[in-house]
Amino acid sequence: MGQPSEPIVGPNLQRSTGREAWRQNLLVAHLAARKVATSLGPSGLYKLVSYYRGPELVVKPTKDPVEVVRELSVEYPSVKILFEAAELHRMQVGDGVIRLLIALSSLFEKSEDLIANGTNPNIILDGFHEAEQEARRAIDEAAKPFGPESSHKVLEVVDCGRNLVNAELRKAIAEAVRNSCVEGIPQLRRVRILKKIGGAIDASHVIHGIVFQKTKLHSSMDDVVAHPRIAVIASGIGSPRLEVKFPKEGVFPFSLDISDERGVSRFKEEELKMKTDIVSHIASTGANVVICRSPIPDVVGGLMAGRRIFALSSVDVDDYDVIIAATGAKPVGRAQDLEQSDLGGAERIETGKNGDLDIVTIFSEKASTILLRGGISMAVDELERTVNASKTVAELSIKSPKTVTGAGADVLLRDGRMRERALKFSGRQQLAVLAFAESLEEIPTQLAVNFGLDPIDTMIELRRHHAEGRVDYGVLRDGCGDALEAGVVELGAVPKNLINRAYELALLMLRVDHLLFSTEIAKVHKK
């Protein structure tokens, strides 16, 4: 048919194909991942990210690689894929993001070497698949049951030597996640975070209840309600607002005909009677607290205050759902439909202040709020990221209660199994299996570098310990040592997820043979 007279793609498009596409993708992803390797472990370093939000200079110190890339708005396709996978890993298991990026970085580098030596990408992927399966089996065999002290240890590993989450707070987070369970399944939406600037980080603690930003409906309502009987109502309480309707249209079962001044007064009296009847009905059910998702008129608020009913209106949807879960109240659509059996309960309700903001606390064992304190906002933000990761790990510990030894000990254990598996292949798959094993070895190697140890000597010594049967030895601050005795353990689901995601990313990247990259200026910029 010949060549088209007009180009199919625009002039601002870069194109590469075949091995050049592989090389560009793998090289850029490798370089990006290596940038965060120095943040691994207790001695890992922070990254200082700064950018302008309009005229304001924003500065953020963090060890979180996902935060780094998100704030810098990296747009290269392979890097976006890499860090979206890292963010998904953090959401699912909470820990091991930097280790994932280190393993991927080495995996991409070794893939490039294999491709340069003439190995077909499909053969490489076959070897990677065999290595991934063998590594996962090794984790399952080495995993130990989750003991009573394991919860404290796995959360300590998440903190990674930063001393942000102290022992008391770690214990409280684990307890809060356990208390949120419904039929054995954790409900993390019941474990909320509230930040407050001022005070020491050690002053952070867990409140058994829900804390949310809201003001009581009427100033004369009590600030504290003991043993509340809580009604949760969706729609507005009071008569509907007056609207202009055609004859026989609308929700009112009557017509309104005002011909004189007295008619207006009668209408007002009837409207007040309707509102009074609704409040009386609420009080007759025994409710002394009303939480409504819609606005409540001030007149109704005054009537409720007169009946000693505490009320909150225009409650956010997220707060509304958690309140229902924590109090056991059955939400009703209209106040007229409320019955005594719909009421929920709690220990007490209090109003207070968080800085300049009005807050309400519903104390209940079915939900928790983690109050984070810190002298500066950046410290509180970093603490929040660590606590969120701890919540995810605590949730995972309930779903998958098995642990493995950390500090690189588990890597060496899998490494031996993968090398044995490699010998069963007669073709180039053997090289791919070995490449996968060597890529995972980069994790303890980088850990040794960050501790200031000689990486070659440390890895030689670590292999010797494992060869002599000391399989719990890993890389510690002073060199190789018993990581299990030092309390460095993690959930087995973390490395399993890491290995699986590393294989999936390699599978995706090695099957890209055509790269199209637009150089046009984005129409929408980051604010």
Protein backbone atom coordinates (compact mmCIF):
# COMPACT_ATOMS: atom_id res chain seq x y z
CA MET A 1 0.00 0.00 0.00
CA GLY A 2 3.01 2.29 0.32
CA GLN A 3 3.82 4.87 2.98
CA PRO A 4 1.11 7.27 4.25
CA SER A 5 1.46 10.82 2.97
CA GLU A 6 0.88 12.26 6.47
CA PRO A 7 2.64 11.12 9.68
CA ILE A 8 0.46 9.09 12.05
CA VAL A 9 2.07 10.50 15.19
CA GLY A 10 2.83 14.10 16.05
CA PRO A 11 6.23 15.78 15.61
CA ASN A 12 6.84 15.99 19.37
CA LEU A 13 7.12 12.24 19.86
CA GLN A 14 10.29 10.28 20.57
CA ARG A 15 10.38 6.70 19.36
CA SER A 16 12.66 3.73 20.02
CA THR A 17 12.18 0.07 19.19
CA GLY A 18 13.62 -3.37 19.88
CA ARG A 19 16.73 -3.62 22.02
CA GLU A 20 17.04 0.16 22.22
CA ALA A 21 13.60 0.34 23.86
CA TRP A 22 14.64 -2.37 26.34
CA ARG A 23 17.91 -0.60 27.05
CA GLN A 24 16.33 2.79 27.67
CA ASN A 25 13.56 1.46 29.90
CA LEU A 26 15.79 -0.79 31.97
CA LEU A 27 18.58 1.77 32.31
CA VAL A 28 16.35 4.63 33.44
CA ALA A 29 14.41 2.42 35.88
CA HIS A 30 17.70 1.05 37.25
CA LEU A 31 19.12 4.53 37.85
CA ALA A 32 15.92 5.78 39.51
CA ALA A 33 15.74 2.81 41.87
CA ARG A 34 19.40 3.11 42.88
CA LYS A 35 18.80 6.69 44.05
CA VAL A 36 16.81 5.46 47.05
CA ALA A 37 19.11 2.55 47.99
CA THR A 38 21.01 4.64 50.54
CA SER A 39 17.80 4.98 52.61
CA LEU A 40 17.69 1.26 53.44
CA GLY A 41 17.99 0.09 57.04
CA PRO A 42 18.39 1.80 60.43
CA SER A 43 21.41 3.74 59.17
CA GLY A 44 19.71 4.73 55.91
CA LEU A 45 19.76 8.39 54.95
CA TYR A 46 16.89 10.81 54.43
CA LYS A 47 16.16 12.58 51.16
CA LEU A 48 15.38 16.29 51.26
CA VAL A 49 12.78 17.14 48.63
CA SER A 50 11.98 20.76 47.86
CA TYR A 51 9.74 22.35 45.28
CA TYR A 52 7.67 25.50 44.81
CA ARG A 53 3.92 25.54 45.38
CA GLY A 54 3.28 28.89 43.76
CA PRO A 55 5.51 31.39 45.61
CA GLU A 56 5.86 29.04 48.60
CA LEU A 57 8.95 26.84 48.96
CA VAL A 58 7.92 23.39 50.27
CA VAL A 59 10.62 21.33 52.01
CA LYS A 60 10.06 17.68 52.94
CA PRO A 61 12.67 15.36 54.53
CA THR A 62 11.68 11.70 54.09
CA LYS A 63 12.96 8.15 53.65
CA ASP A 64 9.87 7.17 51.68
CA PRO A 65 10.82 6.67 47.99
CA VAL A 66 7.21 6.91 46.85
CA GLU A 67 6.93 10.35 48.43
CA VAL A 68 10.13 11.45 46.70
CA VAL A 69 8.91 10.55 43.23
CA ARG A 70 5.39 11.80 43.85
CA GLU A 71 6.60 15.25 44.89
CA LEU A 72 9.10 15.55 42.04
CA SER A 73 6.45 14.55 39.46
CA VAL A 74 8.72 12.13 37.58
CA GLU A 75 7.11 11.49 34.18
CA TYR A 76 9.37 9.00 32.37
CA PRO A 77 7.11 6.00 31.58
CA SER A 78 9.24 3.20 33.03
CA VAL A 79 9.91 5.16 36.22
CA LYS A 80 6.20 5.90 36.64
CA ILE A 81 5.44 2.18 36.32
CA LEU A 82 8.21 1.33 38.78
CA PHE A 83 7.04 3.68 41.50
CA GLU A 84 3.35 2.97 41.02
CA ALA A 85 4.24 -0.66 41.72
CA ALA A 86 6.21 0.46 44.79
CA GLU A 87 3.23 2.47 46.03
CA LEU A 88 0.95 -0.53 45.54
CA HIS A 89 3.45 -2.67 47.48
CA ARG A 90 3.37 -0.18 50.36
CA MET A 91 -0.44 -0.12 50.37
CA GLN A 92 -0.69 -3.92 50.47
CA VAL A 93 2.07 -4.89 52.92
CA GLY A 94 3.28 -1.58 54.40
CA ASP A 95 7.00 -2.42 54.44
CA GLY A 96 9.86 -3.36 52.12
CA VAL A 97 9.45 -0.65 49.47
CA ILE A 98 13.14 0.27 49.32
CA ARG A 99 14.14 -3.39 49.22
CA LEU A 100 11.76 -3.90 46.31
CA LEU A 101 13.35 -1.04 44.37
CA ILE A 102 16.88 -2.30 45.09
CA ALA A 103 15.97 -5.79 43.88
CA LEU A 104 14.29 -4.38 40.77
CA SER A 105 17.23 -2.12 40.03
CA SER A 106 19.65 -5.07 40.08
CA LEU A 107 17.19 -7.26 38.18
CA PHE A 108 16.94 -4.71 35.37
CA GLU A 109 20.71 -4.32 35.24
CA LYS A 110 21.28 -8.07 34.98
CA SER A 111 18.50 -8.39 32.41
CA GLU A 112 20.26 -5.84 30.24
CA ASP A 113 23.51 -7.84 30.52
CA LEU A 114 21.74 -11.06 29.52
CA ILE A 115 20.06 -9.37 26.55
CA ALA A 116 23.41 -7.90 25.48
CA ASN A 117 24.85 -11.43 25.51
CA GLY A 118 22.16 -12.61 23.10
CA THR A 119 19.70 -14.18 25.55
CA ASN A 120 16.10 -13.90 24.40
CA PRO A 121 13.83 -12.00 26.86
CA ASN A 122 11.37 -14.93 26.92
CA ILE A 123 14.13 -17.28 28.11
CA ILE A 124 15.06 -14.74 30.78
CA LEU A 125 11.46 -14.57 31.95
CA ASP A 126 11.23 -18.39 32.10
CA GLY A 127 14.24 -18.42 34.42
CA PHE A 128 12.85 -15.57 36.50
CA HIS A 129 9.57 -17.45 36.90
CA GLU A 130 11.34 -20.59 38.14
CA ALA A 131 13.42 -18.53 40.57
CA GLU A 132 10.35 -16.68 41.86
CA GLN A 133 8.49 -19.93 42.51
CA GLU A 134 11.47 -21.50 44.30
CA ALA A 135 12.02 -18.40 46.45
CA ARG A 136 8.37 -18.34 47.54
CA ARG A 137 8.52 -22.02 48.48
CA ALA A 138 11.64 -21.35 50.55
CA ILE A 139 9.83 -18.58 52.46
CA ASP A 140 6.86 -20.86 53.21
CA GLU A 141 9.16 -23.56 54.55
CA ALA A 142 11.23 -21.16 56.69
CA ALA A 143 8.30 -19.14 58.10
CA LYS A 144 7.63 -19.51 61.82
CA PRO A 145 4.31 -19.12 63.68
CA PHE A 146 3.44 -15.62 64.87
CA GLY A 147 4.25 -15.57 68.62
CA PRO A 148 2.91 -13.15 71.25
CA GLU A 149 6.07 -11.01 71.08
CA SER A 150 6.18 -10.97 67.27
CA SER A 151 3.77 -8.04 66.91
CA HIS A 152 6.17 -5.71 68.74
CA LYS A 153 9.15 -6.93 66.70
CA VAL A 154 7.63 -6.63 63.23
CA LEU A 155 6.44 -3.08 63.95
CA GLU A 156 9.89 -2.19 65.28
CA VAL A 157 11.34 -3.24 61.91
CA VAL A 158 8.86 -0.92 60.17
CA ASP A 159 10.16 2.00 62.26
CA CYS A 160 13.65 0.97 61.09
CA GLY A 161 15.69 2.60 63.84
CA ARG A 162 14.21 6.09 63.47
CA ASN A 163 12.70 6.06 66.99
CA LEU A 164 9.52 7.63 65.66
CA VAL A 165 7.18 4.93 66.96
CA ASN A 166 8.11 4.00 70.53
CA ALA A 167 7.37 0.63 72.16
CA GLU A 168 4.20 1.86 73.86
CA LEU A 169 2.77 3.28 70.64
CA ARG A 170 3.66 0.12 68.69
CA LYS A 171 1.76 -1.96 71.25
CA ALA A 172 -1.20 0.42 71.08
CA ILE A 173 -1.31 0.32 67.25
CA ALA A 174 -1.31 -3.49 67.25
CA GLU A 175 -4.10 -3.52 69.85
CA ALA A 176 -6.14 -0.94 67.92
CA VAL A 177 -5.97 -3.00 64.72
CA ARG A 178 -6.99 -6.16 66.61
CA ASN A 179 -9.94 -4.35 68.19
CA SER A 180 -11.12 -3.20 64.76
CA CYS A 181 -11.67 -6.79 63.59
CA VAL A 182 -15.12 -7.92 62.48
CA GLU A 183 -15.38 -11.71 62.29
CA GLY A 184 -11.59 -11.91 62.38
CA ILE A 185 -11.05 -9.43 59.53
CA PRO A 186 -9.38 -6.06 60.41
CA GLN A 187 -11.25 -2.90 59.44
CA LEU A 188 -8.56 -0.22 59.12
CA ARG A 189 -11.11 2.53 58.54
CA ARG A 190 -11.89 2.17 62.25
CA VAL A 191 -8.28 3.10 63.10
CA ARG A 192 -7.91 6.78 62.30
CA ILE A 193 -5.07 9.28 62.57
CA LEU A 194 -5.26 12.80 64.02
CA LYS A 195 -2.25 15.13 63.82
CA LYS A 196 -1.48 17.87 66.33
CA ILE A 197 1.51 20.19 66.06
CA GLY A 198 3.25 20.79 69.37
CA GLY A 199 4.78 18.56 71.99
CA ALA A 200 7.24 15.71 71.67
CA ILE A 201 6.85 12.76 69.32
CA ASP A 202 6.87 10.48 72.39
CA ALA A 203 3.63 12.16 73.48
CA SER A 204 1.79 10.46 70.60
CA HIS A 205 -0.78 7.96 71.84
CA VAL A 206 -3.90 6.01 70.92
CA ILE A 207 -7.38 7.13 71.94
CA HIS A 208 -10.00 4.38 72.14
CA GLY A 209 -12.69 6.09 70.13
CA ILE A 210 -13.36 8.30 67.12
CA VAL A 211 -12.03 11.85 66.99
CA PHE A 212 -13.30 14.07 64.19
CA GLN A 213 -13.59 17.75 63.42
CA LYS A 214 -17.07 18.99 64.26
CA THR A 215 -18.90 21.51 66.49
CA LYS A 216 -21.96 20.69 68.58
CA LEU A 217 -25.15 22.01 67.05
CA HIS A 218 -26.14 24.36 69.89
CA SER A 219 -23.92 26.17 72.40
CA SER A 220 -26.12 25.19 75.38
CA MET A 221 -25.72 21.47 74.71
CA ASP A 222 -23.58 19.52 77.18
CA ASP A 223 -19.85 19.21 76.48
CA VAL A 224 -19.80 15.68 77.92
CA VAL A 225 -22.47 13.00 77.50
CA ALA A 226 -21.96 9.88 79.60
CA HIS A 227 -23.34 6.55 78.33
CA PRO A 228 -24.89 8.10 75.20
CA ARG A 229 -27.78 6.47 73.37
CA ILE A 230 -26.99 7.42 69.81
CA ALA A 231 -29.40 7.90 66.89
CA VAL A 232 -27.87 8.10 63.41
CA ILE A 233 -30.12 9.81 60.88
CA ALA A 234 -29.38 10.40 57.19
CA SER A 235 -31.78 13.13 56.04
CA GLY A 236 -32.52 16.54 57.50
CA ILE A 237 -34.52 16.80 60.72
CA GLY A 238 -37.41 19.25 60.55
CA SER A 239 -39.92 20.26 57.92
CA PRO A 240 -38.69 20.38 54.33
CA ARG A 241 -37.74 23.78 53.03
CA LEU A 242 -40.51 25.76 51.35
CA GLU A 243 -40.52 25.46 47.56
CA VAL A 244 -42.74 26.76 44.80
CA LYS A 245 -44.71 23.82 43.37
CA PHE A 246 -47.55 23.28 40.92
CA PRO A 247 -50.95 22.23 42.35
CA LYS A 248 -50.93 18.71 43.88
CA GLU A 249 -47.15 18.46 43.46
CA GLY A 250 -44.67 18.10 46.29
CA VAL A 251 -44.14 16.19 49.52
CA PHE A 252 -46.61 18.13 51.70
CA PRO A 253 -49.96 16.32 52.09
CA PHE A 254 -51.80 19.62 52.36
CA SER A 255 -52.15 22.97 50.57
CA LEU A 256 -51.13 26.34 51.97
CA ASP A 257 -53.35 29.34 51.33
CA ILE A 258 -52.30 32.58 53.09
CA SER A 259 -54.71 35.47 52.64
CA ASP A 260 -53.96 37.62 55.69
CA GLU A 261 -51.28 38.31 58.31
CA ARG A 262 -52.76 35.79 60.74
CA GLY A 263 -52.29 33.09 58.12
CA VAL A 264 -48.52 33.58 58.22
CA SER A 265 -48.53 33.25 62.01
CA ARG A 266 -50.61 30.07 61.81
CA PHE A 267 -48.18 28.64 59.26
CA LYS A 268 -45.21 29.41 61.53
CA GLU A 269 -46.98 27.85 64.48
CA GLU A 270 -47.79 24.70 62.51
CA GLU A 271 -44.21 24.45 61.22
CA LEU A 272 -42.85 24.76 64.77
CA LYS A 273 -45.31 22.11 65.93
CA MET A 274 -44.04 19.72 63.25
CA LYS A 275 -40.45 20.25 64.36
CA THR A 276 -41.41 19.90 68.02
CA ASP A 277 -43.21 16.63 67.26
CA ILE A 278 -40.09 15.26 65.52
CA VAL A 279 -37.87 16.16 68.48
CA SER A 280 -40.43 14.65 70.86
CA HIS A 281 -40.44 11.44 68.82
CA ILE A 282 -36.62 11.27 68.98
CA ALA A 283 -36.73 11.80 72.75
CA SER A 284 -39.41 9.12 73.15
CA THR A 285 -37.04 6.48 71.76
CA GLY A 286 -34.59 7.22 74.57
CA ALA A 287 -31.98 8.86 72.31
CA ASN A 288 -29.89 11.59 73.93
CA VAL A 289 -27.44 11.99 71.04
CA VAL A 290 -28.35 12.63 67.39
CA ILE A 291 -25.83 12.43 64.56
CA CYS A 292 -27.17 13.59 61.21
CA ARG A 293 -25.49 13.56 57.81
CA SER A 294 -27.63 16.50 56.61
CA PRO A 295 -28.00 20.01 58.05
CA ILE A 296 -30.30 20.52 61.04
CA PRO A 297 -32.14 23.89 61.36
CA ASP A 298 -31.11 26.10 64.27
CA VAL A 299 -34.68 26.02 65.62
CA VAL A 300 -34.53 22.23 65.87
CA GLY A 301 -31.12 22.52 67.55
CA GLY A 302 -32.64 24.78 70.20
CA LEU A 303 -35.50 22.33 70.76
CA MET A 304 -33.02 19.47 71.15
CA ALA A 305 -30.92 21.45 73.61
CA GLY A 306 -34.07 22.03 75.66
CA ARG A 307 -34.64 18.27 75.81
CA ARG A 308 -30.96 17.61 76.77
CA ILE A 309 -30.25 15.98 73.40
CA PHE A 310 -26.70 16.43 72.06
CA ALA A 311 -26.63 16.81 68.26
CA LEU A 312 -24.15 16.98 65.38
CA SER A 313 -25.20 17.91 61.86
CA SER A 314 -23.63 17.84 58.37
CA VAL A 315 -21.30 14.99 59.37
CA ASP A 316 -18.86 13.93 56.63
CA VAL A 317 -19.56 10.64 54.89
CA ASP A 318 -16.31 9.03 56.11
CA ASP A 319 -17.00 10.07 59.71
CA TYR A 320 -20.63 8.98 59.37
CA ASP A 321 -19.69 5.44 58.27
CA VAL A 322 -17.11 4.99 61.03
CA ILE A 323 -19.55 6.27 63.67
CA ILE A 324 -22.08 3.65 62.58
CA ALA A 325 -19.45 0.91 62.81
CA ALA A 326 -18.10 2.05 66.19
CA THR A 327 -21.43 2.66 67.94
CA GLY A 328 -23.51 -0.16 66.49
CA ALA A 329 -26.29 2.29 65.61
CA LYS A 330 -28.63 1.45 62.73
CA PRO A 331 -28.94 4.44 60.39
CA VAL A 332 -32.44 5.55 59.45
CA GLY A 333 -33.50 7.73 56.56
CA ARG A 334 -35.91 9.99 58.45
CA ALA A 335 -36.24 10.93 62.10
CA GLN A 336 -39.90 9.85 62.00
CA ASP A 337 -38.76 6.27 61.28
CA LEU A 338 -36.44 6.07 64.30
CA GLU A 339 -37.11 3.28 66.80
CA GLN A 340 -35.48 2.36 70.09
CA SER A 341 -33.88 -0.72 68.52
CA ASP A 342 -31.99 1.55 66.08
CA LEU A 343 -29.96 3.26 68.82
CA GLY A 344 -26.26 2.63 69.30
CA GLY A 345 -24.02 3.21 72.30
CA ALA A 346 -20.59 4.29 73.49
CA GLU A 347 -18.79 5.02 76.74
CA ARG A 348 -19.14 8.80 76.46
CA ILE A 349 -18.97 11.75 74.05
CA GLU A 350 -16.80 14.81 74.62
CA THR A 351 -16.21 18.07 72.79
CA GLY A 352 -12.84 19.80 72.80
CA LYS A 353 -10.15 21.57 70.81
CA ASN A 354 -7.30 20.48 68.55
CA GLY A 355 -5.39 23.73 68.12
CA ASP A 356 -7.92 26.16 66.70
CA LEU A 357 -10.28 23.40 65.51
CA ASP A 358 -13.35 22.12 67.35
CA ILE A 359 -13.36 18.34 67.71
CA VAL A 360 -15.74 15.71 69.03
CA THR A 361 -14.59 12.42 70.55
CA ILE A 362 -16.83 9.34 70.75
CA PHE A 363 -15.14 6.93 73.14
CA SER A 364 -15.65 3.30 72.08
CA GLU A 365 -13.57 0.12 72.11
CA LYS A 366 -14.71 -0.66 68.57
CA ALA A 367 -12.66 2.15 67.00
CA SER A 368 -9.40 3.98 67.71
CA THR A 369 -7.76 7.29 66.86
CA ILE A 370 -3.99 7.64 66.87
CA LEU A 371 -3.06 11.14 68.05
CA LEU A 372 0.31 12.12 66.55
CA ARG A 373 2.35 14.88 68.16
CA GLY A 374 5.51 16.63 67.03
CA GLY A 375 7.34 19.92 67.28
CA ILE A 376 7.21 20.68 63.53
CA SER A 377 4.80 19.68 60.77
CA MET A 378 7.47 17.80 58.76
CA ALA A 379 8.23 15.52 61.72
CA VAL A 380 4.52 14.81 62.23
CA ASP A 381 4.08 14.04 58.51
CA GLU A 382 6.96 11.54 58.58
CA LEU A 383 5.51 9.99 61.72
CA GLU A 384 2.14 9.69 59.99
CA ARG A 385 3.69 7.77 57.07
CA THR A 386 5.38 5.38 59.51
CA VAL A 387 2.20 4.84 61.52
CA ASN A 388 0.19 4.16 58.34
CA ALA A 389 2.77 1.54 57.35
CA SER A 390 2.58 0.06 60.86
CA LYS A 391 -1.21 -0.18 60.59
CA THR A 392 -0.90 -2.08 57.31
CA VAL A 393 1.70 -4.47 58.74
CA ALA A 394 -0.43 -5.04 61.87
CA GLU A 395 -3.41 -5.83 59.62
CA LEU A 396 -1.30 -8.24 57.56
CA SER A 397 -0.05 -9.97 60.73
CA ILE A 398 -3.65 -10.97 61.50
CA LYS A 399 -4.34 -12.21 57.97
CA SER A 400 -0.99 -13.98 57.53
CA PRO A 401 0.56 -14.73 60.97
CA LYS A 402 3.95 -16.12 59.90
CA THR A 403 7.38 -14.49 60.37
CA VAL A 404 10.84 -14.88 58.86
CA THR A 405 14.21 -13.61 60.06
CA GLY A 406 15.19 -10.22 58.62
CA ALA A 407 18.46 -8.31 58.13
CA GLY A 408 19.18 -10.25 54.93
CA ALA A 409 19.11 -13.70 56.59
CA ASP A 410 16.02 -14.73 54.64
CA VAL A 411 17.66 -13.56 51.38
CA LEU A 412 20.66 -15.88 51.83
CA LEU A 413 18.33 -18.77 52.65
CA ARG A 414 16.40 -18.26 49.41
CA ASP A 415 19.62 -17.65 47.50
CA GLY A 416 20.89 -21.15 48.20
CA ARG A 417 17.61 -22.71 47.10
CA MET A 418 17.56 -20.74 43.85
CA ARG A 419 21.15 -21.67 43.02
CA GLU A 420 20.29 -25.34 43.50
CA ARG A 421 17.29 -24.86 41.21
CA ALA A 422 19.47 -23.20 38.55
CA LEU A 423 21.64 -26.31 38.22
CA LYS A 424 18.63 -28.31 36.98
CA PHE A 425 18.57 -26.32 33.72
CA SER A 426 20.90 -27.10 30.84
CA GLY A 427 20.14 -23.97 28.84
CA ARG A 428 20.31 -20.23 29.40
CA GLN A 429 17.46 -20.35 31.89
CA GLN A 430 20.21 -21.27 34.36
CA LEU A 431 21.75 -17.83 33.88
CA ALA A 432 18.39 -16.15 34.46
CA VAL A 433 17.75 -18.05 37.71
CA LEU A 434 21.22 -17.11 38.95
CA ALA A 435 20.60 -13.48 37.94
CA PHE A 436 17.40 -13.42 40.00
CA ALA A 437 19.24 -14.83 43.03
CA GLU A 438 22.08 -12.32 42.68
CA SER A 439 19.58 -9.46 42.38
CA LEU A 440 18.04 -10.31 45.75
CA GLU A 441 21.55 -10.46 47.25
CA GLU A 442 21.85 -6.75 46.56
CA ILE A 443 19.56 -6.14 49.55
CA PRO A 444 21.95 -7.36 52.29
CA THR A 445 24.88 -5.96 50.28
CA GLN A 446 23.33 -2.46 50.33
CA LEU A 447 22.47 -2.91 54.00
CA ALA A 448 26.16 -3.53 54.72
CA VAL A 449 27.12 -0.42 52.74
CA ASN A 450 24.66 1.74 54.68
CA PHE A 451 26.05 0.41 57.98
CA GLY A 452 29.52 1.46 56.87
CA LEU A 453 30.74 -2.14 56.52
CA ASP A 454 32.80 -3.60 53.70
CA PRO A 455 30.13 -5.19 51.48
CA ILE A 456 32.36 -7.88 49.98
CA ASP A 457 33.81 -9.06 53.29
CA THR A 458 30.39 -8.93 54.93
CA MET A 459 28.73 -11.06 52.24
CA ILE A 460 31.59 -13.60 52.32
CA GLU A 461 31.22 -13.92 56.09
CA LEU A 462 27.42 -14.14 55.86
CA ARG A 463 27.61 -16.96 53.29
CA ARG A 464 30.03 -18.83 55.55
CA HIS A 465 27.65 -18.63 58.50
CA HIS A 466 24.77 -19.93 56.40
CA ALA A 467 26.91 -22.72 54.94
CA GLU A 468 27.70 -23.81 58.52
CA GLY A 469 23.98 -23.95 59.40
CA ARG A 470 23.53 -20.58 61.13
CA VAL A 471 20.60 -19.64 58.91
CA ASP A 472 19.35 -16.83 61.18
CA TYR A 473 22.51 -14.77 60.72
CA GLY A 474 22.06 -11.45 58.93
CA VAL A 475 23.70 -8.05 58.48
CA LEU A 476 23.58 -6.04 61.71
CA ARG A 477 25.10 -2.70 62.70
CA ASP A 478 28.38 -4.24 63.93
CA GLY A 479 28.64 -6.92 61.23
CA CYS A 480 27.13 -10.37 60.82
CA GLY A 481 25.14 -11.64 63.78
CA ASP A 482 22.08 -13.62 64.85
CA ALA A 483 19.21 -11.46 63.57
CA LEU A 484 16.57 -13.62 65.27
CA GLU A 485 18.25 -13.13 68.65
CA ALA A 486 18.50 -9.39 67.92
CA GLY A 487 14.73 -9.29 67.32
CA VAL A 488 14.94 -8.46 63.59
CA VAL A 489 11.95 -10.34 62.19
CA GLU A 490 9.31 -9.51 59.62
CA LEU A 491 6.15 -11.02 58.27
CA GLY A 492 6.71 -13.74 55.69
CA ALA A 493 4.11 -12.08 53.47
CA VAL A 494 6.43 -9.06 52.97
CA PRO A 495 9.27 -10.84 51.09
CA LYS A 496 6.76 -13.08 49.28
CA ASN A 497 4.94 -10.02 47.98
CA LEU A 498 8.28 -8.37 47.15
CA ILE A 499 9.49 -11.33 45.08
CA ASN A 500 6.20 -11.68 43.26
CA ARG A 501 6.04 -7.97 42.41
CA ALA A 502 9.68 -7.94 41.25
CA TYR A 503 8.91 -10.78 38.85
CA GLU A 504 5.73 -9.06 37.58
CA LEU A 505 7.62 -5.81 36.91
CA ALA A 506 10.39 -7.67 35.08
CA LEU A 507 7.73 -9.51 33.08
CA LEU A 508 6.18 -6.20 32.04
CA MET A 509 9.39 -4.31 31.28
CA LEU A 510 11.09 -7.08 29.28
CA ARG A 511 8.09 -7.41 27.00
CA VAL A 512 8.20 -3.78 25.92
CA ASP A 513 9.85 -3.52 22.49
CA HIS A 514 8.47 -0.17 21.34
CA LEU A 515 8.72 3.07 23.32
CA LEU A 516 6.71 6.17 22.35
CA PHE A 517 7.47 9.20 24.49
CA SER A 518 5.77 12.57 23.99
CA THR A 519 7.89 15.68 24.55
CA GLU A 520 4.94 18.08 24.49
CA ILE A 521 4.50 20.39 27.45
CA ALA A 522 1.75 19.08 29.73
CA LYS A 523 -1.47 21.08 29.61
CA VAL A 524 -2.09 20.47 33.32
CA HIS A 525 0.73 21.24 35.75
CA LYS A 526 1.12 20.21 39.36
CA LYS A 527 -0.30 22.78 41.77
